[in-house]
């Protein structure tokens, strides 16, 4: 199969492309507009593969989409603005990408008759005190990020019902692993710990997340693409839950930093307290997460330690300005 992977230069997308090329005979075209978190460096080891091609463009641009989609049999859409904090400060980019961009992709898929898979998030369900969300749980998003992702999911579902387009939706729990931009909790804490910077923890640090190693999510998406029932949504959750403060303390242990670096900061507005996904539906297709959190966090810290070439340009660029605006303090040189 030839796949169009939108947002394939981002965190989850680049891991999916790498895994898919290694495990199948697919040809893959990546369409990415290379925003601050979409980086060609995340794909540099794939550039020599004859089955890989890159197109620089936005999913909101119909001409770019039609060009990239030519000859493909399916679209996998990772393209998204993903950081909740940025959605609170500048929600307009999230509306454009998630609403307009998803519409453009769906129209292209409908016209060319190709299967469409939307990569979504557990955050569309909102917060849950106990138990786990199922695919039939109501959507109650808390932030502009999750609200626009929920809107995109509903648009995808409408195209299946109205136009009989073959659509699938995968909602992943909190991903972590290699190539994740360091505005997110785990890579932020890893790199700050390496440099002796403060470790800013929102509120009391007791927010609980269902952690999913990115390579497991990539394999779950592939499994749904190949075996999922058109029109269905599949939760893809991790095997372990942990609160943020426990995660930060484990990163401190693995990095050799000191716990005195932890600094509790003002909580994010509308911060969801707990996420948890039930994944029985995708398990019935034969998928299981293969990486426990302890194994995955060890691999993740080691990857950032060994791949300074990837993250050093980020910490020396515009990210520093963003970090100072967000947390009111400068990063170490």
C-alpha atoms as a PDB file:
ATOM      1  CA  UNK A   1       0.000   0.000   0.000  1.00  0.00           C
ATOM      2  CA  UNK A   2       0.964   3.612  -0.489  1.00  0.00           C
ATOM      3  CA  UNK A   3       0.105   5.733   2.546  1.00  0.00           C
ATOM      4  CA  UNK A   4      -0.196   9.475   2.923  1.00  0.00           C
ATOM      5  CA  UNK A   5       0.926  10.274   6.461  1.00  0.00           C
ATOM      6  CA  UNK A   6      -0.011  13.818   7.442  1.00  0.00           C
ATOM      7  CA  UNK A   7       2.063  15.334  10.234  1.00  0.00           C
ATOM      8  CA  UNK A   8       4.678  12.615   9.766  1.00  0.00           C
ATOM      9  CA  UNK A   9       7.535  14.887  10.878  1.00  0.00           C
ATOM     10  CA  UNK A  10       6.028  15.261  14.347  1.00  0.00           C
ATOM     11  CA  UNK A  11       6.528  13.129  17.432  1.00  0.00           C
ATOM     12  CA  UNK A  12       4.032  10.294  16.984  1.00  0.00           C
ATOM     13  CA  UNK A  13       3.956  10.563  13.198  1.00  0.00           C
ATOM     14  CA  UNK A  14       7.712  10.132  12.757  1.00  0.00           C
ATOM     15  CA  UNK A  15       7.716   7.091  15.032  1.00  0.00           C
ATOM     16  CA  UNK A  16       4.826   5.607  13.027  1.00  0.00           C
ATOM     17  CA  UNK A  17       6.584   6.191   9.690  1.00  0.00           C
ATOM     18  CA  UNK A  18       9.821   4.652  10.939  1.00  0.00           C
ATOM     19  CA  UNK A  19       8.035   1.607  12.322  1.00  0.00           C
ATOM     20  CA  UNK A  20       5.841   1.156   9.255  1.00  0.00           C
ATOM     21  CA  UNK A  21       8.761   1.265   6.820  1.00  0.00           C
ATOM     22  CA  UNK A  22      10.610  -1.298   8.945  1.00  0.00           C
ATOM     23  CA  UNK A  23       7.678  -3.693   9.255  1.00  0.00           C
ATOM     24  CA  UNK A  24       5.923  -3.530   5.868  1.00  0.00           C
ATOM     25  CA  UNK A  25       6.450  -3.066   2.136  1.00  0.00           C
ATOM     26  CA  UNK A  26       4.464   0.182   2.114  1.00  0.00           C
ATOM     27  CA  UNK A  27       5.430   3.315   0.297  1.00  0.00           C
ATOM     28  CA  UNK A  28       4.951   6.384   2.497  1.00  0.00           C
ATOM     29  CA  UNK A  29       4.502  10.017   1.550  1.00  0.00           C
ATOM     30  CA  UNK A  30       4.770  12.426   4.483  1.00  0.00           C
ATOM     31  CA  UNK A  31       2.922  15.735   4.225  1.00  0.00           C
ATOM     32  CA  UNK A  32       4.007  18.191   6.903  1.00  0.00           C
ATOM     33  CA  UNK A  33       4.126  21.988   7.139  1.00  0.00           C
ATOM     34  CA  UNK A  34       7.071  21.831   9.562  1.00  0.00           C
ATOM     35  CA  UNK A  35       5.794  23.998  12.371  1.00  0.00           C
ATOM     36  CA  UNK A  36       8.001  24.407  15.434  1.00  0.00           C
ATOM     37  CA  UNK A  37       7.294  20.791  16.523  1.00  0.00           C
ATOM     38  CA  UNK A  38       7.436  19.216  13.049  1.00  0.00           C
ATOM     39  CA  UNK A  39      11.085  18.608  12.205  1.00  0.00           C
ATOM     40  CA  UNK A  40      12.798  17.029   9.193  1.00  0.00           C
ATOM     41  CA  UNK A  41      15.539  15.949  11.612  1.00  0.00           C
ATOM     42  CA  UNK A  42      13.088  13.413  13.062  1.00  0.00           C
ATOM     43  CA  UNK A  43      13.042  11.646   9.678  1.00  0.00           C
ATOM     44  CA  UNK A  44      16.665  12.008   8.616  1.00  0.00           C
ATOM     45  CA  UNK A  45      17.445   8.288   8.958  1.00  0.00           C
ATOM     46  CA  UNK A  46      14.660   7.533   6.455  1.00  0.00           C
ATOM     47  CA  UNK A  47      15.630   9.966   3.707  1.00  0.00           C
ATOM     48  CA  UNK A  48      17.629   7.366   1.754  1.00  0.00           C
ATOM     49  CA  UNK A  49      14.752   4.858   1.666  1.00  0.00           C
ATOM     50  CA  UNK A  50      13.309   4.708  -1.867  1.00  0.00           C
ATOM     51  CA  UNK A  51       9.860   4.014  -0.378  1.00  0.00           C
ATOM     52  CA  UNK A  52       9.839   7.325   1.510  1.00  0.00           C
ATOM     53  CA  UNK A  53       8.968  10.759   0.137  1.00  0.00           C
ATOM     54  CA  UNK A  54       8.426  14.114   1.819  1.00  0.00           C
ATOM     55  CA  UNK A  55       6.087  16.912   0.742  1.00  0.00           C
ATOM     56  CA  UNK A  56       6.249  20.278   2.497  1.00  0.00           C
ATOM     57  CA  UNK A  57       2.720  21.563   2.863  1.00  0.00           C
ATOM     58  CA  UNK A  58      -0.270  22.114   5.137  1.00  0.00           C
ATOM     59  CA  UNK A  59      -3.334  19.924   5.443  1.00  0.00           C
ATOM     60  CA  UNK A  60      -5.426  23.087   5.158  1.00  0.00           C
ATOM     61  CA  UNK A  61      -4.171  23.506   1.562  1.00  0.00           C
ATOM     62  CA  UNK A  62      -6.297  21.445  -0.880  1.00  0.00           C
ATOM     63  CA  UNK A  63      -3.708  21.624  -3.664  1.00  0.00           C
ATOM     64  CA  UNK A  64      -0.917  20.343  -1.429  1.00  0.00           C
ATOM     65  CA  UNK A  65      -3.156  17.536  -0.168  1.00  0.00           C
ATOM     66  CA  UNK A  66      -4.250  16.464  -3.657  1.00  0.00           C
ATOM     67  CA  UNK A  67      -0.632  16.437  -4.836  1.00  0.00           C
ATOM     68  CA  UNK A  68       0.592  14.383  -1.883  1.00  0.00           C
ATOM     69  CA  UNK A  69      -2.356  11.964  -2.013  1.00  0.00           C
ATOM     70  CA  UNK A  70      -1.892  10.938  -5.661  1.00  0.00           C
ATOM     71  CA  UNK A  71      -1.800   7.142  -5.915  1.00  0.00           C
ATOM     72  CA  UNK A  72      -2.247   6.529  -2.182  1.00  0.00           C
ATOM     73  CA  UNK A  73      -4.715   4.016  -0.763  1.00  0.00           C
ATOM     74  CA  UNK A  74      -5.129   5.528   2.692  1.00  0.00           C
ATOM     75  CA  UNK A  75      -4.581   8.687   4.730  1.00  0.00           C
ATOM     76  CA  UNK A  76      -3.299   8.547   8.303  1.00  0.00           C
ATOM     77  CA  UNK A  77      -3.698  11.975   9.895  1.00  0.00           C
ATOM     78  CA  UNK A  78      -1.341  12.879  12.738  1.00  0.00           C
ATOM     79  CA  UNK A  79      -1.240  16.565  11.769  1.00  0.00           C
ATOM     80  CA  UNK A  80      -2.226  18.596  14.810  1.00  0.00           C
ATOM     81  CA  UNK A  81      -1.381  21.392  17.164  1.00  0.00           C
ATOM     82  CA  UNK A  82      -0.909  19.354  20.314  1.00  0.00           C
ATOM     83  CA  UNK A  83       0.134  21.443  23.321  1.00  0.00           C
ATOM     84  CA  UNK A  84      -2.679  22.385  25.704  1.00  0.00           C
ATOM     85  CA  UNK A  85      -0.789  25.405  27.093  1.00  0.00           C
ATOM     86  CA  UNK A  86      -0.380  26.868  23.611  1.00  0.00           C
ATOM     87  CA  UNK A  87      -4.064  26.256  22.854  1.00  0.00           C
ATOM     88  CA  UNK A  88      -4.980  28.395  25.856  1.00  0.00           C
ATOM     89  CA  UNK A  89      -2.687  31.217  24.725  1.00  0.00           C
ATOM     90  CA  UNK A  90      -3.373  31.023  20.953  1.00  0.00           C
ATOM     91  CA  UNK A  91      -6.407  28.859  20.119  1.00  0.00           C
ATOM     92  CA  UNK A  92      -6.788  30.075  16.510  1.00  0.00           C
ATOM     93  CA  UNK A  93      -4.053  27.771  15.149  1.00  0.00           C
ATOM     94  CA  UNK A  94      -5.814  24.791  16.736  1.00  0.00           C
ATOM     95  CA  UNK A  95      -9.108  25.667  15.079  1.00  0.00           C
ATOM     96  CA  UNK A  96      -7.472  26.018  11.647  1.00  0.00           C
ATOM     97  CA  UNK A  97      -5.521  22.777  11.787  1.00  0.00           C
ATOM     98  CA  UNK A  98      -8.052  20.542  13.520  1.00  0.00           C
ATOM     99  CA  UNK A  99     -11.261  21.824  11.927  1.00  0.00           C
ATOM    100  CA  UNK A 100     -10.338  23.179   8.496  1.00  0.00           C
ATOM    101  CA  UNK A 101      -7.421  20.784   7.986  1.00  0.00           C
ATOM    102  CA  UNK A 102      -9.464  17.711   8.831  1.00  0.00           C
ATOM    103  CA  UNK A 103     -12.237  18.895   6.495  1.00  0.00           C
ATOM    104  CA  UNK A 104      -9.790  19.309   3.595  1.00  0.00           C
ATOM    105  CA  UNK A 105      -8.368  15.826   4.156  1.00  0.00           C
ATOM    106  CA  UNK A 106     -11.810  14.241   4.373  1.00  0.00           C
ATOM    107  CA  UNK A 107     -12.898  15.906   1.145  1.00  0.00           C
ATOM    108  CA  UNK A 108      -9.771  14.637  -0.601  1.00  0.00           C
ATOM    109  CA  UNK A 109     -10.326  11.137   0.759  1.00  0.00           C
ATOM    110  CA  UNK A 110     -13.956  11.199  -0.370  1.00  0.00           C
ATOM    111  CA  UNK A 111     -13.112  12.376  -3.887  1.00  0.00           C
ATOM    112  CA  UNK A 112     -10.348   9.790  -4.337  1.00  0.00           C
ATOM    113  CA  UNK A 113     -12.090   6.963  -2.499  1.00  0.00           C
ATOM    114  CA  UNK A 114      -9.370   6.159   0.028  1.00  0.00           C
ATOM    115  CA  UNK A 115      -9.532   4.943   3.628  1.00  0.00           C
ATOM    116  CA  UNK A 116      -9.046   7.614   6.288  1.00  0.00           C
ATOM    117  CA  UNK A 117      -7.657   7.172   9.811  1.00  0.00           C
ATOM    118  CA  UNK A 118      -7.816  10.052  12.292  1.00  0.00           C
ATOM    119  CA  UNK A 119      -5.299  10.042  15.148  1.00  0.00           C
ATOM    120  CA  UNK A 120      -6.986  11.491  18.218  1.00  0.00           C
ATOM    121  CA  UNK A 121      -6.519  11.743  21.968  1.00  0.00           C
ATOM    122  CA  UNK A 122      -7.990  10.632  25.280  1.00  0.00           C
ATOM    123  CA  UNK A 123      -8.384  14.317  26.167  1.00  0.00           C
ATOM    124  CA  UNK A 124     -11.585  14.556  24.114  1.00  0.00           C
ATOM    125  CA  UNK A 125     -13.342  12.698  26.942  1.00  0.00           C
ATOM    126  CA  UNK A 126     -12.312  15.177  29.639  1.00  0.00           C
ATOM    127  CA  UNK A 127     -11.396  14.026  33.154  1.00  0.00           C
ATOM    128  CA  UNK A 128     -12.519  10.870  34.952  1.00  0.00           C
ATOM    129  CA  UNK A 129     -12.254  10.323  38.725  1.00  0.00           C
ATOM    130  CA  UNK A 130     -12.453   6.519  38.666  1.00  0.00           C
ATOM    131  CA  UNK A 131     -12.674   3.795  36.068  1.00  0.00           C
ATOM    132  CA  UNK A 132     -11.793   4.238  32.402  1.00  0.00           C
ATOM    133  CA  UNK A 133     -13.307   5.857  29.349  1.00  0.00           C
ATOM    134  CA  UNK A 134     -14.752   3.592  26.664  1.00  0.00           C
ATOM    135  CA  UNK A 135     -15.406   4.524  23.058  1.00  0.00           C
ATOM    136  CA  UNK A 136     -19.049   5.207  23.944  1.00  0.00           C
ATOM    137  CA  UNK A 137     -18.194   7.692  26.724  1.00  0.00           C
ATOM    138  CA  UNK A 138     -19.463  11.249  26.077  1.00  0.00           C
ATOM    139  CA  UNK A 139     -17.031  13.829  24.735  1.00  0.00           C
ATOM    140  CA  UNK A 140     -16.449  16.536  27.342  1.00  0.00           C
ATOM    141  CA  UNK A 141     -13.226  18.336  26.358  1.00  0.00           C
ATOM    142  CA  UNK A 142     -11.743  20.901  28.727  1.00  0.00           C
ATOM    143  CA  UNK A 143      -9.334  22.956  26.581  1.00  0.00           C
ATOM    144  CA  UNK A 144      -9.274  24.529  23.112  1.00  0.00           C
ATOM    145  CA  UNK A 145      -6.889  21.736  22.131  1.00  0.00           C
ATOM    146  CA  UNK A 146      -9.159  18.888  23.162  1.00  0.00           C
ATOM    147  CA  UNK A 147     -12.319  20.682  22.012  1.00  0.00           C
ATOM    148  CA  UNK A 148     -10.999  21.136  18.475  1.00  0.00           C
ATOM    149  CA  UNK A 149      -9.762  17.536  18.422  1.00  0.00           C
ATOM    150  CA  UNK A 150     -13.221  16.384  19.506  1.00  0.00           C
ATOM    151  CA  UNK A 151     -14.747  18.507  16.749  1.00  0.00           C
ATOM    152  CA  UNK A 152     -12.449  16.871  14.218  1.00  0.00           C
ATOM    153  CA  UNK A 153     -13.488  13.422  15.451  1.00  0.00           C
ATOM    154  CA  UNK A 154     -17.153  14.302  15.006  1.00  0.00           C
ATOM    155  CA  UNK A 155     -16.476  15.592  11.512  1.00  0.00           C
ATOM    156  CA  UNK A 156     -14.743  12.316  10.633  1.00  0.00           C
ATOM    157  CA  UNK A 157     -17.696  10.319  11.953  1.00  0.00           C
ATOM    158  CA  UNK A 158     -20.094  12.471   9.935  1.00  0.00           C
ATOM    159  CA  UNK A 159     -18.277  11.670   6.697  1.00  0.00           C
ATOM    160  CA  UNK A 160     -18.675   7.963   7.374  1.00  0.00           C
ATOM    161  CA  UNK A 161     -22.377   8.317   8.065  1.00  0.00           C
ATOM    162  CA  UNK A 162     -23.178  10.834   5.333  1.00  0.00           C
ATOM    163  CA  UNK A 163     -20.846   9.801   2.525  1.00  0.00           C
ATOM    164  CA  UNK A 164     -20.024   6.171   3.490  1.00  0.00           C
ATOM    165  CA  UNK A 165     -16.329   7.092   3.590  1.00  0.00           C
ATOM    166  CA  UNK A 166     -14.200   4.369   5.180  1.00  0.00           C
ATOM    167  CA  UNK A 167     -13.051   6.138   8.341  1.00  0.00           C
ATOM    168  CA  UNK A 168     -11.345   5.036  11.550  1.00  0.00           C
ATOM    169  CA  UNK A 169     -10.492   6.972  14.700  1.00  0.00           C
ATOM    170  CA  UNK A 170      -7.699   6.040  17.141  1.00  0.00           C
ATOM    171  CA  UNK A 171      -7.697   7.800  20.511  1.00  0.00           C
ATOM    172  CA  UNK A 172      -4.379   7.375  22.284  1.00  0.00           C
ATOM    173  CA  UNK A 173      -3.542   7.947  25.924  1.00  0.00           C
ATOM    174  CA  UNK A 174      -0.560  10.119  26.946  1.00  0.00           C
ATOM    175  CA  UNK A 175       2.351   9.250  24.665  1.00  0.00           C
ATOM    176  CA  UNK A 176       6.022   9.546  25.546  1.00  0.00           C
ATOM    177  CA  UNK A 177       9.280   8.423  23.965  1.00  0.00           C
ATOM    178  CA  UNK A 178      11.927   9.496  21.409  1.00  0.00           C
ATOM    179  CA  UNK A 179      11.522  12.626  19.261  1.00  0.00           C
ATOM    180  CA  UNK A 180       8.962  14.328  21.536  1.00  0.00           C
ATOM    181  CA  UNK A 181       9.216  18.108  21.528  1.00  0.00           C
ATOM    182  CA  UNK A 182      10.361  19.274  24.991  1.00  0.00           C
ATOM    183  CA  UNK A 183       7.349  21.429  25.828  1.00  0.00           C
ATOM    184  CA  UNK A 184       5.616  18.204  26.996  1.00  0.00           C
ATOM    185  CA  UNK A 185       6.040  16.952  30.571  1.00  0.00           C
ATOM    186  CA  UNK A 186       8.453  14.047  30.160  1.00  0.00           C
ATOM    187  CA  UNK A 187      11.007  15.494  27.683  1.00  0.00           C
ATOM    188  CA  UNK A 188      10.809  18.887  29.408  1.00  0.00           C
ATOM    189  CA  UNK A 189      11.696  17.314  32.743  1.00  0.00           C
ATOM    190  CA  UNK A 190      14.429  15.141  31.225  1.00  0.00           C
ATOM    191  CA  UNK A 191      16.246  18.024  29.529  1.00  0.00           C
ATOM    192  CA  UNK A 192      15.810  20.374  32.478  1.00  0.00           C
ATOM    193  CA  UNK A 193      17.187  17.678  34.781  1.00  0.00           C
ATOM    194  CA  UNK A 194      20.196  17.202  32.496  1.00  0.00           C
ATOM    195  CA  UNK A 195      20.938  20.939  32.686  1.00  0.00           C
ATOM    196  CA  UNK A 196      20.141  21.558  36.356  1.00  0.00           C
ATOM    197  CA  UNK A 197      17.137  23.743  35.531  1.00  0.00           C
ATOM    198  CA  UNK A 198      14.095  23.969  37.757  1.00  0.00           C
ATOM    199  CA  UNK A 199      11.471  21.261  37.174  1.00  0.00           C
ATOM    200  CA  UNK A 200       8.111  23.109  36.992  1.00  0.00           C
ATOM    201  CA  UNK A 201       5.236  20.904  38.189  1.00  0.00           C
ATOM    202  CA  UNK A 202       1.689  22.183  37.799  1.00  0.00           C
ATOM    203  CA  UNK A 203      -0.455  22.425  40.946  1.00  0.00           C
ATOM    204  CA  UNK A 204       0.189  19.602  43.398  1.00  0.00           C
ATOM    205  CA  UNK A 205       1.529  17.203  40.757  1.00  0.00           C
ATOM    206  CA  UNK A 206      -1.210  14.664  41.487  1.00  0.00           C
ATOM    207  CA  UNK A 207      -2.754  14.716  38.000  1.00  0.00           C
ATOM    208  CA  UNK A 208      -2.860  11.096  36.772  1.00  0.00           C
ATOM    209  CA  UNK A 209      -2.103  10.008  33.227  1.00  0.00           C
ATOM    210  CA  UNK A 210      -2.354   6.680  31.405  1.00  0.00           C
ATOM    211  CA  UNK A 211       1.152   6.441  29.883  1.00  0.00           C
ATOM    212  CA  UNK A 212       1.649   4.854  26.455  1.00  0.00           C
ATOM    213  CA  UNK A 213       5.067   4.366  24.866  1.00  0.00           C
ATOM    214  CA  UNK A 214       4.994   5.942  21.417  1.00  0.00           C
ATOM    215  CA  UNK A 215       6.111   2.799  19.582  1.00  0.00           C
ATOM    216  CA  UNK A 216       3.148   0.953  21.094  1.00  0.00           C
ATOM    217  CA  UNK A 217       0.749   3.631  19.884  1.00  0.00           C
ATOM    218  CA  UNK A 218       2.308   3.449  16.421  1.00  0.00           C
ATOM    219  CA  UNK A 219       1.743  -0.304  16.314  1.00  0.00           C
ATOM    220  CA  UNK A 220      -1.819   0.157  17.586  1.00  0.00           C
ATOM    221  CA  UNK A 221      -2.563   2.619  14.792  1.00  0.00           C
ATOM    222  CA  UNK A 222      -1.166   0.201  12.203  1.00  0.00           C
ATOM    223  CA  UNK A 223      -3.269  -2.584  13.672  1.00  0.00           C
ATOM    224  CA  UNK A 224      -6.447  -0.516  13.468  1.00  0.00           C
ATOM    225  CA  UNK A 225      -5.607   0.612   9.924  1.00  0.00           C
ATOM    226  CA  UNK A 226      -5.310  -3.010   8.829  1.00  0.00           C
ATOM    227  CA  UNK A 227      -7.971  -4.721  10.966  1.00  0.00           C
ATOM    228  CA  UNK A 228     -10.355  -2.023  12.189  1.00  0.00           C
ATOM    229  CA  UNK A 229     -14.002  -1.899  11.162  1.00  0.00           C
ATOM    230  CA  UNK A 230     -14.812   1.193   9.059  1.00  0.00           C
ATOM    231  CA  UNK A 231     -16.811   3.748  10.999  1.00  0.00           C
ATOM    232  CA  UNK A 232     -15.487   2.598  14.368  1.00  0.00           C
ATOM    233  CA  UNK A 233     -13.439   4.382  17.043  1.00  0.00           C
ATOM    234  CA  UNK A 234     -10.731   2.559  19.004  1.00  0.00           C
ATOM    235  CA  UNK A 235      -9.157   3.604  22.305  1.00  0.00           C
ATOM    236  CA  UNK A 236      -5.452   2.761  22.447  1.00  0.00           C
ATOM    237  CA  UNK A 237      -4.371   3.035  26.077  1.00  0.00           C
ATOM    238  CA  UNK A 238      -1.136   2.365  27.903  1.00  0.00           C
ATOM    239  CA  UNK A 239      -0.601  -0.403  30.461  1.00  0.00           C
ATOM    240  CA  UNK A 240       0.240   1.854  33.420  1.00  0.00           C
ATOM    241  CA  UNK A 241      -1.065   4.966  35.162  1.00  0.00           C
ATOM    242  CA  UNK A 242       1.030   7.351  37.229  1.00  0.00           C
ATOM    243  CA  UNK A 243       0.682  10.841  38.632  1.00  0.00           C
ATOM    244  CA  UNK A 244       2.927  13.574  37.279  1.00  0.00           C
ATOM    245  CA  UNK A 245       4.964  14.044  40.443  1.00  0.00           C
ATOM    246  CA  UNK A 246       5.890  10.351  40.571  1.00  0.00           C
ATOM    247  CA  UNK A 247       6.975  10.531  36.932  1.00  0.00           C
ATOM    248  CA  UNK A 248       9.139  13.583  37.627  1.00  0.00           C
ATOM    249  CA  UNK A 249      10.791  11.893  40.609  1.00  0.00           C
ATOM    250  CA  UNK A 250      11.599   8.809  38.508  1.00  0.00           C
ATOM    251  CA  UNK A 251      13.182  11.046  35.845  1.00  0.00           C
ATOM    252  CA  UNK A 252      15.275  12.662  38.581  1.00  0.00           C
ATOM    253  CA  UNK A 253      16.528   9.236  39.645  1.00  0.00           C
ATOM    254  CA  UNK A 254      17.360   8.173  36.097  1.00  0.00           C
ATOM    255  CA  UNK A 255      19.091  11.440  35.196  1.00  0.00           C
ATOM    256  CA  UNK A 256      21.091  11.800  38.411  1.00  0.00           C
ATOM    257  CA  UNK A 257      19.536  15.172  39.225  1.00  0.00           C
ATOM    258  CA  UNK A 258      18.443  16.412  42.654  1.00  0.00           C
ATOM    259  CA  UNK A 259      14.855  16.461  43.910  1.00  0.00           C
ATOM    260  CA  UNK A 260      15.372  20.034  45.145  1.00  0.00           C
ATOM    261  CA  UNK A 261      14.967  21.106  41.490  1.00  0.00           C
ATOM    262  CA  UNK A 262      11.207  20.452  41.699  1.00  0.00           C
ATOM    263  CA  UNK A 263       9.217  23.692  41.727  1.00  0.00           C
ATOM    264  CA  UNK A 264       5.434  23.672  42.068  1.00  0.00           C
ATOM    265  CA  UNK A 265       3.907  26.329  39.813  1.00  0.00           C
ATOM    266  CA  UNK A 266       0.409  27.756  39.294  1.00  0.00           C
ATOM    267  CA  UNK A 267      -1.841  25.122  37.795  1.00  0.00           C
ATOM    268  CA  UNK A 268      -3.000  25.249  34.189  1.00  0.00           C
ATOM    269  CA  UNK A 269      -6.574  26.574  33.722  1.00  0.00           C
ATOM    270  CA  UNK A 270      -9.052  23.716  33.262  1.00  0.00           C
ATOM    271  CA  UNK A 271      -6.370  21.116  34.006  1.00  0.00           C
ATOM    272  CA  UNK A 272      -7.916  17.629  33.774  1.00  0.00           C
ATOM    273  CA  UNK A 273      -7.256  15.601  36.910  1.00  0.00           C
ATOM    274  CA  UNK A 274      -7.136  12.076  35.486  1.00  0.00           C
ATOM    275  CA  UNK A 275      -7.243  10.294  32.142  1.00  0.00           C
ATOM    276  CA  UNK A 276      -7.735   6.560  31.690  1.00  0.00           C
ATOM    277  CA  UNK A 277      -8.659   4.564  28.595  1.00  0.00           C
ATOM    278  CA  UNK A 278     -10.241   1.134  28.352  1.00  0.00           C
ATOM    279  CA  UNK A 279      -8.697  -0.651  25.368  1.00  0.00           C
ATOM    280  CA  UNK A 280     -10.723  -3.867  25.186  1.00  0.00           C
ATOM    281  CA  UNK A 281     -12.068  -2.983  21.758  1.00  0.00           C
ATOM    282  CA  UNK A 282      -8.644  -2.751  20.114  1.00  0.00           C
ATOM    283  CA  UNK A 283      -7.469  -5.747  22.159  1.00  0.00           C
ATOM    284  CA  UNK A 284     -10.250  -7.767  20.496  1.00  0.00           C
ATOM    285  CA  UNK A 285      -8.498  -7.032  17.191  1.00  0.00           C
ATOM    286  CA  UNK A 286      -5.322  -8.600  18.576  1.00  0.00           C
ATOM    287  CA  UNK A 287      -3.346  -5.562  19.793  1.00  0.00           C
ATOM    288  CA  UNK A 288      -1.625  -5.199  23.180  1.00  0.00           C
ATOM    289  CA  UNK A 289       0.781  -2.564  24.507  1.00  0.00           C
ATOM    290  CA  UNK A 290       4.191  -4.181  24.844  1.00  0.00           C
ATOM    291  CA  UNK A 291       6.072  -1.611  26.947  1.00  0.00           C
ATOM    292  CA  UNK A 292       5.519  -1.105  30.665  1.00  0.00           C
ATOM    293  CA  UNK A 293       6.129   2.418  31.922  1.00  0.00           C
ATOM    294  CA  UNK A 294       9.289   1.589  33.858  1.00  0.00           C
ATOM    295  CA  UNK A 295      10.904   0.094  30.766  1.00  0.00           C
ATOM    296  CA  UNK A 296       9.684   2.905  28.535  1.00  0.00           C
ATOM    297  CA  UNK A 297      10.849   5.766  30.766  1.00  0.00           C
ATOM    298  CA  UNK A 298      14.304   4.200  31.052  1.00  0.00           C
ATOM    299  CA  UNK A 299      14.513   3.946  27.258  1.00  0.00           C
ATOM    300  CA  UNK A 300      13.269   7.513  26.869  1.00  0.00           C
ATOM    301  CA  UNK A 301      15.776   9.075  29.266  1.00  0.00           C
ATOM    302  CA  UNK A 302      18.561   7.097  27.583  1.00  0.00           C
ATOM    303  CA  UNK A 303      17.452   8.266  24.116  1.00  0.00           C
ATOM    304  CA  UNK A 304      17.585  11.942  25.115  1.00  0.00           C
ATOM    305  CA  UNK A 305      20.955  11.408  26.763  1.00  0.00           C
ATOM    306  CA  UNK A 306      22.337   9.847  23.570  1.00  0.00           C
ATOM    307  CA  UNK A 307      20.744  12.184  21.009  1.00  0.00           C
ATOM    308  CA  UNK A 308      21.799  15.711  21.868  1.00  0.00           C
ATOM    309  CA  UNK A 309      22.066  16.417  18.115  1.00  0.00           C
ATOM    310  CA  UNK A 310      18.257  16.321  17.979  1.00  0.00           C
ATOM    311  CA  UNK A 311      17.327  18.467  20.978  1.00  0.00           C
ATOM    312  CA  UNK A 312      20.250  20.918  21.305  1.00  0.00           C
ATOM    313  CA  UNK A 313      19.032  23.158  18.428  1.00  0.00           C
ATOM    314  CA  UNK A 314      15.597  23.342  20.081  1.00  0.00           C
ATOM    315  CA  UNK A 315      16.917  24.562  23.421  1.00  0.00           C
ATOM    316  CA  UNK A 316      19.010  27.210  21.699  1.00  0.00           C
ATOM    317  CA  UNK A 317      16.144  28.605  19.589  1.00  0.00           C
ATOM    318  CA  UNK A 318      12.644  30.040  19.937  1.00  0.00           C
ATOM    319  CA  UNK A 319      11.761  27.392  22.504  1.00  0.00           C
ATOM    320  CA  UNK A 320      13.798  29.335  25.069  1.00  0.00           C
ATOM    321  CA  UNK A 321      11.590  32.388  24.575  1.00  0.00           C
ATOM    322  CA  UNK A 322       8.440  30.280  24.842  1.00  0.00           C
ATOM    323  CA  UNK A 323       9.683  28.639  28.029  1.00  0.00           C
ATOM    324  CA  UNK A 324      10.470  31.972  29.683  1.00  0.00           C
ATOM    325  CA  UNK A 325       7.002  33.320  28.811  1.00  0.00           C
ATOM    326  CA  UNK A 326       5.319  30.183  30.095  1.00  0.00           C
ATOM    327  CA  UNK A 327       7.244  29.649  33.330  1.00  0.00           C
ATOM    328  CA  UNK A 328       8.688  33.088  34.092  1.00  0.00           C
ATOM    329  CA  UNK A 329      12.277  31.884  34.248  1.00  0.00           C
ATOM    330  CA  UNK A 330      15.117  31.382  31.777  1.00  0.00           C
ATOM    331  CA  UNK A 331      16.705  28.066  30.876  1.00  0.00           C
ATOM    332  CA  UNK A 332      20.360  27.422  31.600  1.00  0.00           C
ATOM    333  CA  UNK A 333      22.745  27.871  28.667  1.00  0.00           C
END
